[in-house]
Amino acid sequence: MVIKNAELETVCGVTSKLPINQAVEIAFAGKSNVGKSSLINGLLNRKALARTSSQPGKTQTINFYKINDDFYFVDLPGYGYAKVSASEREKWGKMIERYLNTSKQLKLVFLLVDIRHEPSANDKMMYDWVVHSGFQPVIIATKADKIKRSQLQKNLKIIRTKLEMGKEDLIFPFSALSKQGKDEIWDYIERVIADAQQ
């Protein structure tokens, strides 16, 4: 995929009306500090289109990035961040749920998990939630450069088991540093877009 242009088009807060887009939407979900912004920037060859932060819980809105005037990346609020009040977390949850259940153009949901750790209860809840909304989440196991190559398959297996993924369900190891997994993720995105636009 050649990225000709990428821009932040719409930012939706808790009370915002969600946009009615005509182009395919691809959503990215994951807990705070799992590397969502780094993944989006890495895929788009941009340094700081999606704002990365050393302070987790920074994305508190649903951000719609229009790519090549052809499709959208949708960055969902990070979940599971302890310093945010329960009522605030609940609001984000409702916002994500509203988006998953009402978007007509959402064709693919990526769920990011940290390859170094077992998926948390929040990750499992999000996984089940996406499935319940009628999507089969594709897992991106981030921070793959932080483990030894010999650990890769073992850690992927733990993620599969904990999330109770099916045998056919996809999981891509990814590293924002080495760009491992970038081409495979793009190949898959391109297939999904092509199918949706037929």
C-alpha atoms as a PDB file:
ATOM      1  CA  MET A   1       0.000   0.000   0.000  1.00  0.00           C
ATOM      2  CA  VAL A   2       1.419   3.358  -1.038  1.00  0.00           C
ATOM      3  CA  ILE A   3       0.255   6.030   1.405  1.00  0.00           C
ATOM      4  CA  LYS A   4      -0.350   9.203  -0.600  1.00  0.00           C
ATOM      5  CA  ASN A   5      -2.151  11.049   2.161  1.00  0.00           C
ATOM      6  CA  ALA A   6      -3.388  10.449   5.670  1.00  0.00           C
ATOM      7  CA  GLU A   7      -5.165  12.957   7.848  1.00  0.00           C
ATOM      8  CA  LEU A   8      -7.123  13.085  11.069  1.00  0.00           C
ATOM      9  CA  GLU A   9     -10.599  13.888   9.772  1.00  0.00           C
ATOM     10  CA  THR A  10     -12.990  13.458  12.709  1.00  0.00           C
ATOM     11  CA  VAL A  11     -12.577  13.315  16.488  1.00  0.00           C
ATOM     12  CA  CYS A  12     -15.570  12.040  18.489  1.00  0.00           C
ATOM     13  CA  GLY A  13     -15.916  12.521  22.220  1.00  0.00           C
ATOM     14  CA  VAL A  14     -18.421  10.865  24.511  1.00  0.00           C
ATOM     15  CA  THR A  15     -21.302  13.113  23.478  1.00  0.00           C
ATOM     16  CA  SER A  16     -20.351  13.508  19.793  1.00  0.00           C
ATOM     17  CA  LYS A  17     -22.468  12.165  16.998  1.00  0.00           C
ATOM     18  CA  LEU A  18     -20.554   9.510  15.094  1.00  0.00           C
ATOM     19  CA  PRO A  19     -19.833  10.385  11.455  1.00  0.00           C
ATOM     20  CA  ILE A  20     -21.670   8.569   8.685  1.00  0.00           C
ATOM     21  CA  ASN A  21     -18.807   7.713   6.353  1.00  0.00           C
ATOM     22  CA  GLN A  22     -19.130   6.238   2.894  1.00  0.00           C
ATOM     23  CA  ALA A  23     -15.714   4.567   2.862  1.00  0.00           C
ATOM     24  CA  VAL A  24     -14.528   1.349   4.535  1.00  0.00           C
ATOM     25  CA  GLU A  25     -13.554   1.670   8.211  1.00  0.00           C
ATOM     26  CA  ILE A  26     -10.881  -0.418   9.923  1.00  0.00           C
ATOM     27  CA  ALA A  27     -10.824  -0.105  13.717  1.00  0.00           C
ATOM     28  CA  PHE A  28      -7.965  -0.546  16.189  1.00  0.00           C
ATOM     29  CA  ALA A  29      -8.752  -1.485  19.781  1.00  0.00           C
ATOM     30  CA  GLY A  30      -6.431  -2.262  22.650  1.00  0.00           C
ATOM     31  CA  LYS A  31      -5.624  -1.325  26.182  1.00  0.00           C
ATOM     32  CA  SER A  32      -3.721   1.832  27.023  1.00  0.00           C
ATOM     33  CA  ASN A  33       0.025   1.660  26.271  1.00  0.00           C
ATOM     34  CA  VAL A  34      -0.234  -1.466  24.081  1.00  0.00           C
ATOM     35  CA  GLY A  35       1.252   0.539  21.193  1.00  0.00           C
ATOM     36  CA  LYS A  36      -1.834   1.500  19.188  1.00  0.00           C
ATOM     37  CA  SER A  37      -0.549   4.907  18.085  1.00  0.00           C
ATOM     38  CA  SER A  38       2.858   3.429  17.236  1.00  0.00           C
ATOM     39  CA  LEU A  39       1.177   0.768  15.096  1.00  0.00           C
ATOM     40  CA  ILE A  40      -0.978   3.303  13.222  1.00  0.00           C
ATOM     41  CA  ASN A  41       1.994   5.616  12.653  1.00  0.00           C
ATOM     42  CA  GLY A  42       4.127   2.649  11.578  1.00  0.00           C
ATOM     43  CA  LEU A  43       1.553   1.407   9.071  1.00  0.00           C
ATOM     44  CA  LEU A  44       1.160   4.907   7.620  1.00  0.00           C
ATOM     45  CA  ASN A  45       4.886   5.769   7.606  1.00  0.00           C
ATOM     46  CA  ARG A  46       4.163   8.820   9.730  1.00  0.00           C
ATOM     47  CA  LYS A  47       6.059   9.860  12.822  1.00  0.00           C
ATOM     48  CA  ALA A  48       3.275  11.509  14.746  1.00  0.00           C
ATOM     49  CA  LEU A  49      -0.075  11.369  12.977  1.00  0.00           C
ATOM     50  CA  ALA A  50      -1.517   9.321  15.832  1.00  0.00           C
ATOM     51  CA  ARG A  51      -0.240  10.893  19.015  1.00  0.00           C
ATOM     52  CA  THR A  52       1.899   8.567  21.077  1.00  0.00           C
ATOM     53  CA  SER A  53       2.281   9.289  24.745  1.00  0.00           C
ATOM     54  CA  SER A  54       4.288   8.027  27.665  1.00  0.00           C
ATOM     55  CA  GLN A  55       1.115   8.699  29.629  1.00  0.00           C
ATOM     56  CA  PRO A  56      -1.325   5.823  29.032  1.00  0.00           C
ATOM     57  CA  GLY A  57      -5.001   6.557  28.544  1.00  0.00           C
ATOM     58  CA  LYS A  58      -4.269   9.491  26.243  1.00  0.00           C
ATOM     59  CA  THR A  59      -6.729   8.529  23.515  1.00  0.00           C
ATOM     60  CA  GLN A  60     -10.078   9.407  25.078  1.00  0.00           C
ATOM     61  CA  THR A  61     -11.856   9.942  21.783  1.00  0.00           C
ATOM     62  CA  ILE A  62     -12.636   7.922  18.673  1.00  0.00           C
ATOM     63  CA  ASN A  63     -10.303   9.267  15.991  1.00  0.00           C
ATOM     64  CA  PHE A  64     -11.069   8.796  12.293  1.00  0.00           C
ATOM     65  CA  TYR A  65      -8.036   8.990   9.991  1.00  0.00           C
ATOM     66  CA  LYS A  66      -8.816   9.193   6.283  1.00  0.00           C
ATOM     67  CA  ILE A  67      -6.247   7.342   4.189  1.00  0.00           C
ATOM     68  CA  ASN A  68      -5.704   8.010   0.461  1.00  0.00           C
ATOM     69  CA  ASP A  69      -9.241   9.455   0.333  1.00  0.00           C
ATOM     70  CA  ASP A  70     -10.270   5.809   0.111  1.00  0.00           C
ATOM     71  CA  PHE A  71     -10.745   4.285   3.580  1.00  0.00           C
ATOM     72  CA  TYR A  72     -10.483   5.056   7.297  1.00  0.00           C
ATOM     73  CA  PHE A  73      -8.383   3.892  10.218  1.00  0.00           C
ATOM     74  CA  VAL A  74     -10.451   4.303  13.378  1.00  0.00           C
ATOM     75  CA  ASP A  75      -8.501   4.590  16.624  1.00  0.00           C
ATOM     76  CA  LEU A  76     -10.681   3.562  19.578  1.00  0.00           C
ATOM     77  CA  PRO A  77     -10.016   4.753  23.159  1.00  0.00           C
ATOM     78  CA  GLY A  78      -7.521   2.637  25.094  1.00  0.00           C
ATOM     79  CA  TYR A  79      -9.136   0.636  27.889  1.00  0.00           C
ATOM     80  CA  GLY A  80      -8.069  -0.736  31.233  1.00  0.00           C
ATOM     81  CA  TYR A  81      -6.120   2.271  32.433  1.00  0.00           C
ATOM     82  CA  ALA A  82      -6.191   2.357  36.217  1.00  0.00           C
ATOM     83  CA  LYS A  83      -5.885   6.119  36.790  1.00  0.00           C
ATOM     84  CA  VAL A  84      -9.154   6.842  35.019  1.00  0.00           C
ATOM     85  CA  SER A  85     -12.294   6.878  37.145  1.00  0.00           C
ATOM     86  CA  ALA A  86     -14.774   4.009  36.785  1.00  0.00           C
ATOM     87  CA  SER A  87     -17.476   6.358  35.486  1.00  0.00           C
ATOM     88  CA  GLU A  88     -15.069   7.697  32.840  1.00  0.00           C
ATOM     89  CA  ARG A  89     -14.167   4.151  31.802  1.00  0.00           C
ATOM     90  CA  GLU A  90     -17.842   3.279  31.549  1.00  0.00           C
ATOM     91  CA  LYS A  91     -18.428   6.260  29.248  1.00  0.00           C
ATOM     92  CA  TRP A  92     -15.618   5.135  26.935  1.00  0.00           C
ATOM     93  CA  GLY A  93     -17.046   1.627  26.965  1.00  0.00           C
ATOM     94  CA  LYS A  94     -20.449   2.911  25.891  1.00  0.00           C
ATOM     95  CA  MET A  95     -18.812   5.020  23.196  1.00  0.00           C
ATOM     96  CA  ILE A  96     -16.903   2.032  21.769  1.00  0.00           C
ATOM     97  CA  GLU A  97     -20.028  -0.148  21.976  1.00  0.00           C
ATOM     98  CA  ARG A  98     -22.098   2.484  20.167  1.00  0.00           C
ATOM     99  CA  TYR A  99     -19.498   2.646  17.403  1.00  0.00           C
ATOM    100  CA  LEU A 100     -19.206  -1.155  17.006  1.00  0.00           C
ATOM    101  CA  ASN A 101     -22.974  -1.529  16.879  1.00  0.00           C
ATOM    102  CA  THR A 102     -23.864   1.384  14.610  1.00  0.00           C
ATOM    103  CA  SER A 103     -21.107   1.843  12.030  1.00  0.00           C
ATOM    104  CA  LYS A 104     -22.285   0.658   8.621  1.00  0.00           C
ATOM    105  CA  GLN A 105     -18.781   0.818   7.133  1.00  0.00           C
ATOM    106  CA  LEU A 106     -16.794  -1.027   9.785  1.00  0.00           C
ATOM    107  CA  LYS A 107     -15.330  -4.098   8.077  1.00  0.00           C
ATOM    108  CA  LEU A 108     -12.444  -5.140  10.307  1.00  0.00           C
ATOM    109  CA  VAL A 109     -11.474  -4.823  13.966  1.00  0.00           C
ATOM    110  CA  PHE A 110      -7.869  -5.275  15.018  1.00  0.00           C
ATOM    111  CA  LEU A 111      -7.368  -6.021  18.704  1.00  0.00           C
ATOM    112  CA  LEU A 112      -3.871  -5.269  19.977  1.00  0.00           C
ATOM    113  CA  VAL A 113      -2.333  -7.254  22.812  1.00  0.00           C
ATOM    114  CA  ASP A 114       1.192  -7.072  24.240  1.00  0.00           C
ATOM    115  CA  ILE A 115       3.046 -10.217  23.138  1.00  0.00           C
ATOM    116  CA  ARG A 116       5.121 -10.209  26.357  1.00  0.00           C
ATOM    117  CA  HIS A 117       2.164 -10.798  28.677  1.00  0.00           C
ATOM    118  CA  GLU A 118      -0.857 -13.035  28.936  1.00  0.00           C
ATOM    119  CA  PRO A 119      -3.981 -11.219  27.710  1.00  0.00           C
ATOM    120  CA  SER A 120      -5.661  -9.487  30.640  1.00  0.00           C
ATOM    121  CA  ALA A 121      -9.269  -9.849  31.744  1.00  0.00           C
ATOM    122  CA  ASN A 122      -9.910  -6.555  29.915  1.00  0.00           C
ATOM    123  CA  ASP A 123      -8.415  -7.961  26.698  1.00  0.00           C
ATOM    124  CA  LYS A 124     -10.639 -11.029  26.941  1.00  0.00           C
ATOM    125  CA  MET A 125     -13.668  -8.862  27.643  1.00  0.00           C
ATOM    126  CA  MET A 126     -12.904  -6.669  24.626  1.00  0.00           C
ATOM    127  CA  TYR A 127     -12.355  -9.731  22.439  1.00  0.00           C
ATOM    128  CA  ASP A 128     -15.710 -11.196  23.467  1.00  0.00           C
ATOM    129  CA  TRP A 129     -17.388  -7.834  23.038  1.00  0.00           C
ATOM    130  CA  VAL A 130     -16.127  -7.469  19.449  1.00  0.00           C
ATOM    131  CA  VAL A 131     -17.299 -11.013  18.672  1.00  0.00           C
ATOM    132  CA  HIS A 132     -20.661 -10.243  20.264  1.00  0.00           C
ATOM    133  CA  SER A 133     -20.933  -7.190  17.968  1.00  0.00           C
ATOM    134  CA  GLY A 134     -20.660  -9.494  14.953  1.00  0.00           C
ATOM    135  CA  PHE A 135     -16.963  -9.175  14.075  1.00  0.00           C
ATOM    136  CA  GLN A 136     -14.097 -11.637  14.184  1.00  0.00           C
ATOM    137  CA  PRO A 137     -11.241  -9.655  15.718  1.00  0.00           C
ATOM    138  CA  VAL A 138      -7.808 -10.027  14.152  1.00  0.00           C
ATOM    139  CA  ILE A 139      -5.129  -9.972  16.844  1.00  0.00           C
ATOM    140  CA  ILE A 140      -1.979  -7.893  16.519  1.00  0.00           C
ATOM    141  CA  ALA A 141       0.612  -9.006  19.087  1.00  0.00           C
ATOM    142  CA  THR A 142       2.660  -5.837  19.607  1.00  0.00           C
ATOM    143  CA  LYS A 143       6.203  -5.283  20.914  1.00  0.00           C
ATOM    144  CA  ALA A 144       7.488  -8.443  19.200  1.00  0.00           C
ATOM    145  CA  ASP A 145      11.033  -7.048  19.265  1.00  0.00           C
ATOM    146  CA  LYS A 146      10.967  -7.201  23.074  1.00  0.00           C
ATOM    147  CA  ILE A 147      11.003 -11.018  23.216  1.00  0.00           C
ATOM    148  CA  LYS A 148      13.477 -13.601  21.929  1.00  0.00           C
ATOM    149  CA  ARG A 149      12.628 -15.236  18.614  1.00  0.00           C
ATOM    150  CA  SER A 150      12.569 -18.585  20.373  1.00  0.00           C
ATOM    151  CA  GLN A 151       9.706 -17.336  22.595  1.00  0.00           C
ATOM    152  CA  LEU A 152       7.521 -16.109  19.737  1.00  0.00           C
ATOM    153  CA  GLN A 153       5.445 -19.225  19.027  1.00  0.00           C
ATOM    154  CA  LYS A 154       5.023 -20.024  22.711  1.00  0.00           C
ATOM    155  CA  ASN A 155       3.743 -16.506  23.468  1.00  0.00           C
ATOM    156  CA  LEU A 156       1.400 -16.517  20.471  1.00  0.00           C
ATOM    157  CA  LYS A 157      -0.005 -19.836  21.660  1.00  0.00           C
ATOM    158  CA  ILE A 158      -0.666 -18.367  25.138  1.00  0.00           C
ATOM    159  CA  ILE A 159      -2.564 -15.449  23.539  1.00  0.00           C
ATOM    160  CA  ARG A 160      -4.626 -17.854  21.402  1.00  0.00           C
ATOM    161  CA  THR A 161      -5.466 -20.027  24.385  1.00  0.00           C
ATOM    162  CA  LYS A 162      -6.331 -17.167  26.760  1.00  0.00           C
ATOM    163  CA  LEU A 163      -8.576 -15.405  24.253  1.00  0.00           C
ATOM    164  CA  GLU A 164     -10.099 -18.761  23.223  1.00  0.00           C
ATOM    165  CA  MET A 165      -9.384 -18.032  19.570  1.00  0.00           C
ATOM    166  CA  GLY A 166     -10.412 -20.443  16.838  1.00  0.00           C
ATOM    167  CA  LYS A 167      -7.776 -22.327  14.827  1.00  0.00           C
ATOM    168  CA  GLU A 168      -8.453 -20.221  11.736  1.00  0.00           C
ATOM    169  CA  ASP A 169      -8.432 -16.873  13.575  1.00  0.00           C
ATOM    170  CA  LEU A 170      -5.586 -14.599  12.598  1.00  0.00           C
ATOM    171  CA  ILE A 171      -2.813 -13.248  14.786  1.00  0.00           C
ATOM    172  CA  PHE A 172       0.031 -11.045  13.525  1.00  0.00           C
ATOM    173  CA  PRO A 173       3.174 -10.430  15.586  1.00  0.00           C
ATOM    174  CA  PHE A 174       4.223  -6.774  15.115  1.00  0.00           C
ATOM    175  CA  SER A 175       7.137  -4.569  16.073  1.00  0.00           C
ATOM    176  CA  ALA A 176       6.985  -0.788  15.635  1.00  0.00           C
ATOM    177  CA  LEU A 177      10.778  -0.822  15.888  1.00  0.00           C
ATOM    178  CA  SER A 178      11.744  -3.466  13.323  1.00  0.00           C
ATOM    179  CA  LYS A 179       8.484  -3.187  11.301  1.00  0.00           C
ATOM    180  CA  GLN A 180       8.052  -6.968  11.651  1.00  0.00           C
ATOM    181  CA  GLY A 181       4.516  -7.887  10.572  1.00  0.00           C
ATOM    182  CA  LYS A 182       3.822  -4.605   8.757  1.00  0.00           C
ATOM    183  CA  ASP A 183       3.646  -6.135   5.258  1.00  0.00           C
ATOM    184  CA  GLU A 184       1.448  -9.021   6.394  1.00  0.00           C
ATOM    185  CA  ILE A 185      -0.975  -6.651   8.127  1.00  0.00           C
ATOM    186  CA  TRP A 186      -1.178  -4.440   5.033  1.00  0.00           C
ATOM    187  CA  ASP A 187      -1.760  -7.460   2.767  1.00  0.00           C
ATOM    188  CA  TYR A 188      -4.686  -8.442   4.933  1.00  0.00           C
ATOM    189  CA  ILE A 189      -6.104  -4.882   5.097  1.00  0.00           C
ATOM    190  CA  GLU A 190      -5.900  -4.600   1.292  1.00  0.00           C
ATOM    191  CA  ARG A 191      -7.808  -7.866   0.876  1.00  0.00           C
ATOM    192  CA  VAL A 192     -10.557  -6.718   3.254  1.00  0.00           C
ATOM    193  CA  ILE A 193     -10.894  -3.351   1.469  1.00  0.00           C
ATOM    194  CA  ALA A 194     -10.967  -4.995  -1.962  1.00  0.00           C
ATOM    195  CA  ASP A 195     -13.703  -7.439  -0.832  1.00  0.00           C
ATOM    196  CA  ALA A 196     -15.752  -4.626   0.708  1.00  0.00           C
ATOM    197  CA  GLN A 197     -15.525  -2.432  -2.376  1.00  0.00           C
ATOM    198  CA  GLN A 198     -16.662  -5.127  -4.807  1.00  0.00           C
END
